[in-house]
Amino acid sequence: MTNLNLGTSGPPETVLPEVEKQIADRLVAALATEEVDDRREAVSSIVADYPRYLDGWARLGELGRHPIERYAAFRVGYHRGLDTLRQNGWRGSGYVRWEHPTNRGFLRALHGLHLAAVEIGEHDEAERTAIFLQQLDPSWPPSELA
């Protein structure tokens, strides 16, 4: 199913499909795990079982112990996200807005990649990702991340 809006009020907008409820519920439970090492292990297990689950990659990046570990997880989530966007009608331009909860895994991974790029001194990538976030959602950053 393609979730692409070709309205006349600007660029097309892509809304990614929902993930299966059991996967999302499993992530919620994993993120509620009290001990951070156990939380990271639980999220890693989800990503291993569902390697296309964008929010899983983004959350794994957030739980990374080292800048390069965070960078790697966010980068995988970002590239998996580009593939998912293309599979859902995105053609390299148009909006992918935070207001749609199903887009948040990709945007969270892209934002994390931006922060990790800043942290490791990848200035070109940090600049590109900041611009890309603004192009995808001109109201970026959402209040939850600001």
N, C-alpha and C. Protein backbone atom coordinates (compact mmCIF):
# COMPACT_ATOMS: atom_id res chain seq x y z
N MET A 1 0.84 -1.18 0.00
CA MET A 1 0.00 0.00 0.00
C MET A 1 0.88 1.24 0.00
N THR A 2 0.62 2.16 -0.89
CA THR A 2 1.37 3.39 -0.97
C THR A 2 0.63 4.47 -0.20
N ASN A 3 1.36 5.14 0.66
CA ASN A 3 0.78 6.22 1.46
C ASN A 3 1.39 7.54 1.02
N LEU A 4 1.12 7.93 -0.20
CA LEU A 4 1.68 9.13 -0.78
C LEU A 4 0.54 10.07 -1.12
N ASN A 5 0.60 11.29 -0.59
CA ASN A 5 -0.42 12.29 -0.84
C ASN A 5 0.11 13.25 -1.90
N LEU A 6 -0.56 13.29 -3.05
CA LEU A 6 -0.14 14.18 -4.13
C LEU A 6 -1.06 15.40 -4.22
N GLY A 7 -1.32 16.00 -3.09
CA GLY A 7 -2.19 17.18 -3.05
C GLY A 7 -1.61 18.34 -3.81
N THR A 8 -2.42 19.34 -4.04
CA THR A 8 -2.00 20.50 -4.81
C THR A 8 -1.43 21.60 -3.94
N SER A 9 -1.29 21.37 -2.63
CA SER A 9 -0.83 22.41 -1.73
C SER A 9 0.64 22.27 -1.37
N GLY A 10 1.45 21.78 -2.28
CA GLY A 10 2.87 21.67 -2.01
C GLY A 10 3.40 20.30 -2.38
N PRO A 11 4.62 20.01 -1.89
CA PRO A 11 5.24 18.72 -2.22
C PRO A 11 4.42 17.56 -1.69
N PRO A 12 4.59 16.39 -2.30
CA PRO A 12 3.88 15.21 -1.79
C PRO A 12 4.33 14.87 -0.38
N GLU A 13 3.48 14.18 0.34
CA GLU A 13 3.78 13.79 1.71
C GLU A 13 3.69 12.27 1.83
N THR A 14 4.70 11.67 2.44
CA THR A 14 4.71 10.23 2.63
C THR A 14 4.43 9.93 4.10
N VAL A 15 3.54 8.99 4.33
CA VAL A 15 3.23 8.51 5.67
C VAL A 15 3.50 7.01 5.66
N LEU A 16 4.43 6.58 6.48
CA LEU A 16 4.79 5.17 6.52
C LEU A 16 3.67 4.36 7.18
N PRO A 17 3.55 3.09 6.79
CA PRO A 17 2.51 2.25 7.39
C PRO A 17 2.85 1.88 8.83
N GLU A 18 1.83 1.49 9.56
CA GLU A 18 2.03 1.07 10.95
C GLU A 18 2.76 -0.27 10.99
N VAL A 19 3.54 -0.46 12.04
CA VAL A 19 4.15 -1.77 12.28
C VAL A 19 3.13 -2.63 13.02
N GLU A 20 3.37 -3.93 13.03
CA GLU A 20 2.47 -4.82 13.75
C GLU A 20 2.44 -4.43 15.23
N LYS A 21 1.27 -4.48 15.81
CA LYS A 21 1.09 -4.08 17.20
C LYS A 21 2.00 -4.85 18.14
N GLN A 22 2.18 -6.13 17.90
CA GLN A 22 3.02 -6.94 18.78
C GLN A 22 4.47 -6.45 18.80
N ILE A 23 4.95 -5.94 17.67
CA ILE A 23 6.32 -5.42 17.60
C ILE A 23 6.41 -4.11 18.38
N ALA A 24 5.46 -3.22 18.14
CA ALA A 24 5.46 -1.94 18.85
C ALA A 24 5.31 -2.16 20.36
N ASP A 25 4.44 -3.09 20.75
CA ASP A 25 4.26 -3.38 22.18
C ASP A 25 5.53 -3.94 22.79
N ARG A 26 6.22 -4.75 22.03
CA ARG A 26 7.47 -5.32 22.53
C ARG A 26 8.51 -4.22 22.77
N LEU A 27 8.55 -3.22 21.88
CA LEU A 27 9.48 -2.11 22.07
C LEU A 27 9.10 -1.29 23.29
N VAL A 28 7.82 -1.02 23.48
CA VAL A 28 7.37 -0.28 24.66
C VAL A 28 7.82 -1.00 25.93
N ALA A 29 7.63 -2.30 25.96
CA ALA A 29 8.04 -3.09 27.14
C ALA A 29 9.56 -3.04 27.33
N ALA A 30 10.30 -3.16 26.23
CA ALA A 30 11.76 -3.12 26.32
C ALA A 30 12.25 -1.78 26.86
N LEU A 31 11.65 -0.70 26.38
CA LEU A 31 12.07 0.63 26.82
C LEU A 31 11.70 0.90 28.28
N ALA A 32 10.76 0.14 28.80
CA ALA A 32 10.36 0.30 30.21
C ALA A 32 11.26 -0.50 31.15
N THR A 33 12.16 -1.29 30.60
CA THR A 33 13.09 -2.07 31.42
C THR A 33 13.96 -1.12 32.22
N GLU A 34 14.05 -1.36 33.51
CA GLU A 34 14.72 -0.42 34.41
C GLU A 34 16.22 -0.34 34.18
N GLU A 35 16.89 -1.45 34.13
CA GLU A 35 18.36 -1.48 34.00
C GLU A 35 18.74 -1.21 32.54
N VAL A 36 19.62 -0.23 32.32
CA VAL A 36 19.95 0.20 30.96
C VAL A 36 20.59 -0.93 30.14
N ASP A 37 21.44 -1.76 30.74
CA ASP A 37 22.04 -2.85 29.97
C ASP A 37 20.97 -3.85 29.53
N ASP A 38 20.01 -4.13 30.41
CA ASP A 38 18.91 -5.02 30.06
C ASP A 38 18.02 -4.39 28.99
N ARG A 39 17.82 -3.08 29.08
CA ARG A 39 17.02 -2.35 28.08
C ARG A 39 17.68 -2.44 26.72
N ARG A 40 19.00 -2.19 26.69
CA ARG A 40 19.74 -2.25 25.42
C ARG A 40 19.66 -3.67 24.84
N GLU A 41 19.81 -4.68 25.69
CA GLU A 41 19.73 -6.07 25.24
C GLU A 41 18.34 -6.39 24.68
N ALA A 42 17.31 -5.91 25.35
CA ALA A 42 15.93 -6.17 24.89
C ALA A 42 15.67 -5.49 23.54
N VAL A 43 16.13 -4.27 23.38
CA VAL A 43 15.94 -3.56 22.10
C VAL A 43 16.77 -4.23 21.02
N SER A 44 17.98 -4.66 21.34
CA SER A 44 18.82 -5.38 20.37
C SER A 44 18.13 -6.64 19.88
N SER A 45 17.47 -7.33 20.79
CA SER A 45 16.75 -8.55 20.43
C SER A 45 15.61 -8.26 19.46
N ILE A 46 14.93 -7.16 19.67
CA ILE A 46 13.83 -6.77 18.77
C ILE A 46 14.39 -6.47 17.38
N VAL A 47 15.47 -5.71 17.33
CA VAL A 47 16.07 -5.37 16.04
C VAL A 47 16.58 -6.62 15.33
N ALA A 48 17.12 -7.56 16.09
CA ALA A 48 17.57 -8.82 15.48
C ALA A 48 16.40 -9.59 14.88
N ASP A 49 15.27 -9.57 15.58
CA ASP A 49 14.08 -10.27 15.09
C ASP A 49 13.37 -9.52 13.96
N TYR A 50 13.45 -8.19 13.98
CA TYR A 50 12.74 -7.34 13.01
C TYR A 50 13.71 -6.28 12.48
N PRO A 51 14.67 -6.65 11.64
CA PRO A 51 15.70 -5.70 11.20
C PRO A 51 15.20 -4.54 10.34
N ARG A 52 13.94 -4.57 9.96
CA ARG A 52 13.38 -3.44 9.20
C ARG A 52 12.58 -2.48 10.08
N TYR A 53 12.60 -2.73 11.38
CA TYR A 53 11.82 -1.92 12.33
C TYR A 53 12.61 -0.64 12.65
N LEU A 54 12.23 0.45 12.04
CA LEU A 54 12.98 1.69 12.11
C LEU A 54 13.09 2.25 13.53
N ASP A 55 12.00 2.22 14.28
CA ASP A 55 12.06 2.76 15.63
C ASP A 55 12.96 1.90 16.52
N GLY A 56 13.04 0.62 16.22
CA GLY A 56 13.97 -0.23 16.96
C GLY A 56 15.41 0.22 16.77
N TRP A 57 15.79 0.50 15.53
CA TRP A 57 17.14 0.98 15.26
C TRP A 57 17.39 2.33 15.92
N ALA A 58 16.41 3.21 15.84
CA ALA A 58 16.57 4.53 16.45
C ALA A 58 16.75 4.41 17.96
N ARG A 59 15.94 3.58 18.59
CA ARG A 59 16.06 3.42 20.05
C ARG A 59 17.36 2.72 20.42
N LEU A 60 17.81 1.79 19.59
CA LEU A 60 19.10 1.15 19.84
C LEU A 60 20.22 2.20 19.78
N GLY A 61 20.12 3.11 18.82
CA GLY A 61 21.10 4.20 18.75
C GLY A 61 21.08 5.05 20.00
N GLU A 62 19.90 5.35 20.50
CA GLU A 62 19.79 6.16 21.72
C GLU A 62 20.43 5.46 22.92
N LEU A 63 20.44 4.14 22.89
CA LEU A 63 20.98 3.36 24.01
C LEU A 63 22.46 3.01 23.83
N GLY A 64 23.07 3.47 22.75
CA GLY A 64 24.47 3.14 22.49
C GLY A 64 25.39 3.63 23.59
N ARG A 65 26.42 2.85 23.85
CA ARG A 65 27.37 3.16 24.92
C ARG A 65 28.49 4.08 24.47
N HIS A 66 28.70 4.17 23.20
CA HIS A 66 29.84 4.89 22.65
C HIS A 66 29.36 5.67 21.42
N PRO A 67 29.97 6.82 21.13
CA PRO A 67 29.52 7.60 19.97
C PRO A 67 29.47 6.80 18.67
N ILE A 68 30.45 5.93 18.44
CA ILE A 68 30.46 5.17 17.19
C ILE A 68 29.36 4.12 17.18
N GLU A 69 29.08 3.54 18.33
CA GLU A 69 27.98 2.58 18.43
C GLU A 69 26.65 3.27 18.14
N ARG A 70 26.47 4.46 18.67
CA ARG A 70 25.24 5.23 18.40
C ARG A 70 25.16 5.58 16.92
N TYR A 71 26.28 6.09 16.39
CA TYR A 71 26.33 6.47 14.98
C TYR A 71 25.95 5.29 14.08
N ALA A 72 26.51 4.13 14.36
CA ALA A 72 26.25 2.95 13.52
C ALA A 72 24.78 2.56 13.54
N ALA A 73 24.17 2.51 14.71
CA ALA A 73 22.76 2.12 14.80
C ALA A 73 21.87 3.15 14.11
N PHE A 74 22.14 4.42 14.34
CA PHE A 74 21.34 5.46 13.69
C PHE A 74 21.51 5.40 12.18
N ARG A 75 22.71 5.12 11.72
CA ARG A 75 22.96 5.07 10.27
C ARG A 75 22.21 3.91 9.62
N VAL A 76 22.21 2.77 10.30
CA VAL A 76 21.44 1.64 9.77
C VAL A 76 19.96 2.00 9.72
N GLY A 77 19.44 2.60 10.81
CA GLY A 77 18.04 3.00 10.82
C GLY A 77 17.71 3.99 9.72
N TYR A 78 18.61 4.92 9.49
CA TYR A 78 18.42 5.92 8.45
C TYR A 78 18.36 5.26 7.06
N HIS A 79 19.31 4.38 6.77
CA HIS A 79 19.33 3.74 5.45
C HIS A 79 18.17 2.76 5.27
N ARG A 80 17.82 2.04 6.32
CA ARG A 80 16.63 1.19 6.25
C ARG A 80 15.40 2.07 6.02
N GLY A 81 15.40 3.23 6.64
CA GLY A 81 14.29 4.16 6.49
C GLY A 81 14.16 4.68 5.07
N LEU A 82 15.28 5.00 4.45
CA LEU A 82 15.22 5.45 3.05
C LEU A 82 14.61 4.36 2.18
N ASP A 83 15.02 3.11 2.41
CA ASP A 83 14.45 1.99 1.66
C ASP A 83 12.94 1.90 1.89
N THR A 84 12.53 2.02 3.14
CA THR A 84 11.11 1.93 3.48
C THR A 84 10.32 3.08 2.86
N LEU A 85 10.88 4.27 2.90
CA LEU A 85 10.21 5.41 2.28
C LEU A 85 10.01 5.17 0.78
N ARG A 86 11.04 4.70 0.12
CA ARG A 86 10.95 4.44 -1.32
C ARG A 86 9.90 3.37 -1.61
N GLN A 87 9.84 2.35 -0.78
CA GLN A 87 8.85 1.28 -0.96
C GLN A 87 7.42 1.80 -0.76
N ASN A 88 7.29 2.95 -0.13
CA ASN A 88 5.98 3.52 0.15
C ASN A 88 5.71 4.78 -0.67
N GLY A 89 6.39 4.90 -1.80
CA GLY A 89 6.05 5.94 -2.76
C GLY A 89 6.91 7.18 -2.73
N TRP A 90 7.78 7.34 -1.78
CA TRP A 90 8.64 8.52 -1.70
C TRP A 90 9.65 8.46 -2.84
N ARG A 91 9.84 9.55 -3.52
CA ARG A 91 10.73 9.58 -4.68
C ARG A 91 11.91 10.53 -4.48
N GLY A 92 12.36 10.68 -3.26
CA GLY A 92 13.53 11.51 -3.01
C GLY A 92 13.23 12.93 -2.63
N SER A 93 11.97 13.31 -2.63
CA SER A 93 11.59 14.64 -2.17
C SER A 93 10.16 14.58 -1.66
N GLY A 94 9.81 15.59 -0.92
CA GLY A 94 8.48 15.64 -0.33
C GLY A 94 8.58 15.49 1.18
N TYR A 95 7.44 15.69 1.82
CA TYR A 95 7.41 15.71 3.27
C TYR A 95 7.31 14.32 3.88
N VAL A 96 7.98 14.19 5.02
CA VAL A 96 7.87 13.03 5.90
C VAL A 96 7.80 13.65 7.29
N ARG A 97 6.59 13.90 7.75
CA ARG A 97 6.41 14.72 8.94
C ARG A 97 6.32 13.91 10.23
N TRP A 98 6.84 14.53 11.30
CA TRP A 98 6.82 13.97 12.65
C TRP A 98 5.38 13.80 13.15
N GLU A 99 4.48 14.63 12.72
CA GLU A 99 3.10 14.57 13.22
C GLU A 99 2.45 13.21 12.97
N HIS A 100 2.99 12.44 12.04
CA HIS A 100 2.49 11.10 11.77
C HIS A 100 3.33 10.11 12.58
N PRO A 101 2.76 9.49 13.61
CA PRO A 101 3.55 8.60 14.47
C PRO A 101 4.32 7.52 13.72
N THR A 102 3.82 7.07 12.60
CA THR A 102 4.49 6.01 11.86
C THR A 102 5.79 6.49 11.18
N ASN A 103 5.96 7.80 11.05
CA ASN A 103 7.18 8.36 10.47
C ASN A 103 8.27 8.58 11.52
N ARG A 104 7.92 8.48 12.79
CA ARG A 104 8.84 8.89 13.85
C ARG A 104 10.08 8.02 13.98
N GLY A 105 9.98 6.74 13.69
CA GLY A 105 11.18 5.90 13.77
C GLY A 105 12.24 6.38 12.80
N PHE A 106 11.84 6.65 11.56
CA PHE A 106 12.79 7.15 10.57
C PHE A 106 13.34 8.51 10.99
N LEU A 107 12.46 9.42 11.36
CA LEU A 107 12.92 10.76 11.73
C LEU A 107 13.78 10.73 12.99
N ARG A 108 13.45 9.87 13.94
CA ARG A 108 14.26 9.71 15.15
C ARG A 108 15.65 9.18 14.78
N ALA A 109 15.73 8.24 13.84
CA ALA A 109 17.02 7.72 13.39
C ALA A 109 17.82 8.81 12.67
N LEU A 110 17.17 9.57 11.83
CA LEU A 110 17.86 10.65 11.11
C LEU A 110 18.35 11.72 12.08
N HIS A 111 17.52 12.08 13.04
CA HIS A 111 17.92 13.06 14.05
C HIS A 111 19.09 12.53 14.88
N GLY A 112 18.99 11.26 15.28
CA GLY A 112 20.09 10.66 16.02
C GLY A 112 21.38 10.62 15.21
N LEU A 113 21.27 10.33 13.92
CA LEU A 113 22.43 10.33 13.04
C LEU A 113 23.05 11.73 13.01
N HIS A 114 22.21 12.73 12.95
CA HIS A 114 22.70 14.11 12.98
C HIS A 114 23.49 14.38 14.26
N LEU A 115 22.89 14.03 15.40
CA LEU A 115 23.56 14.28 16.68
C LEU A 115 24.86 13.49 16.80
N ALA A 116 24.84 12.24 16.35
CA ALA A 116 26.05 11.41 16.40
C ALA A 116 27.13 11.96 15.46
N ALA A 117 26.72 12.45 14.30
CA ALA A 117 27.69 13.03 13.37
C ALA A 117 28.35 14.27 13.99
N VAL A 118 27.56 15.08 14.65
CA VAL A 118 28.13 16.23 15.37
C VAL A 118 29.13 15.74 16.41
N GLU A 119 28.73 14.72 17.16
CA GLU A 119 29.54 14.21 18.27
C GLU A 119 30.89 13.65 17.79
N ILE A 120 30.91 12.99 16.64
CA ILE A 120 32.17 12.40 16.18
C ILE A 120 32.93 13.31 15.20
N GLY A 121 32.39 14.49 14.94
CA GLY A 121 33.10 15.44 14.09
C GLY A 121 32.89 15.24 12.60
N GLU A 122 31.81 14.56 12.22
CA GLU A 122 31.46 14.40 10.80
C GLU A 122 30.64 15.63 10.38
N HIS A 123 31.32 16.74 10.21
CA HIS A 123 30.64 18.01 10.00
C HIS A 123 29.81 18.07 8.72
N ASP A 124 30.31 17.49 7.63
CA ASP A 124 29.54 17.49 6.38
C ASP A 124 28.23 16.74 6.56
N GLU A 125 28.33 15.56 7.19
CA GLU A 125 27.11 14.77 7.40
C GLU A 125 26.17 15.46 8.38
N ALA A 126 26.71 16.09 9.39
CA ALA A 126 25.87 16.82 10.35
C ALA A 126 25.09 17.93 9.64
N GLU A 127 25.75 18.62 8.74
CA GLU A 127 25.08 19.69 7.99
C GLU A 127 24.01 19.12 7.05
N ARG A 128 24.35 18.05 6.34
CA ARG A 128 23.39 17.43 5.40
C ARG A 128 22.15 16.92 6.14
N THR A 129 22.36 16.27 7.28
CA THR A 129 21.22 15.71 8.00
C THR A 129 20.35 16.81 8.58
N ALA A 130 20.95 17.90 9.03
CA ALA A 130 20.15 19.02 9.54
C ALA A 130 19.28 19.61 8.44
N ILE A 131 19.85 19.78 7.26
CA ILE A 131 19.09 20.31 6.12
C ILE A 131 18.00 19.33 5.71
N PHE A 132 18.33 18.05 5.68
CA PHE A 132 17.37 17.03 5.27
C PHE A 132 16.17 16.99 6.23
N LEU A 133 16.43 17.08 7.53
CA LEU A 133 15.33 17.11 8.50
C LEU A 133 14.39 18.29 8.24
N GLN A 134 14.94 19.44 7.93
CA GLN A 134 14.12 20.62 7.65
C GLN A 134 13.33 20.46 6.35
N GLN A 135 13.93 19.80 5.36
CA GLN A 135 13.23 19.57 4.10
C GLN A 135 12.08 18.58 4.29
N LEU A 136 12.31 17.55 5.09
CA LEU A 136 11.29 16.54 5.32
C LEU A 136 10.13 17.07 6.16
N ASP A 137 10.47 17.91 7.14
CA ASP A 137 9.44 18.46 8.03
C ASP A 137 9.85 19.88 8.39
N PRO A 138 9.31 20.88 7.67
CA PRO A 138 9.71 22.27 7.90
C PRO A 138 9.47 22.76 9.33
N SER A 139 8.65 22.05 10.11
CA SER A 139 8.44 22.46 11.49
C SER A 139 9.42 21.79 12.45
N TRP A 140 10.44 21.12 11.91
CA TRP A 140 11.43 20.44 12.72
C TRP A 140 12.18 21.43 13.58
N PRO A 141 12.49 21.18 14.83
CA PRO A 141 12.28 19.94 15.57
C PRO A 141 10.93 19.94 16.29
N PRO A 142 10.38 18.76 16.49
CA PRO A 142 9.13 18.69 17.25
C PRO A 142 9.39 19.05 18.70
N SER A 143 8.37 19.49 19.40
CA SER A 143 8.53 19.90 20.79
C SER A 143 9.11 18.80 21.66
N GLU A 144 8.84 17.52 21.34
CA GLU A 144 9.36 16.41 22.11
C GLU A 144 10.88 16.31 22.03
N LEU A 145 11.48 16.86 20.98
CA LEU A 145 12.93 16.75 20.79
C LEU A 145 13.64 18.08 20.97
N ALA A 146 12.89 19.18 20.99
CA ALA A 146 13.52 20.50 21.04
C ALA A 146 14.21 20.75 22.36
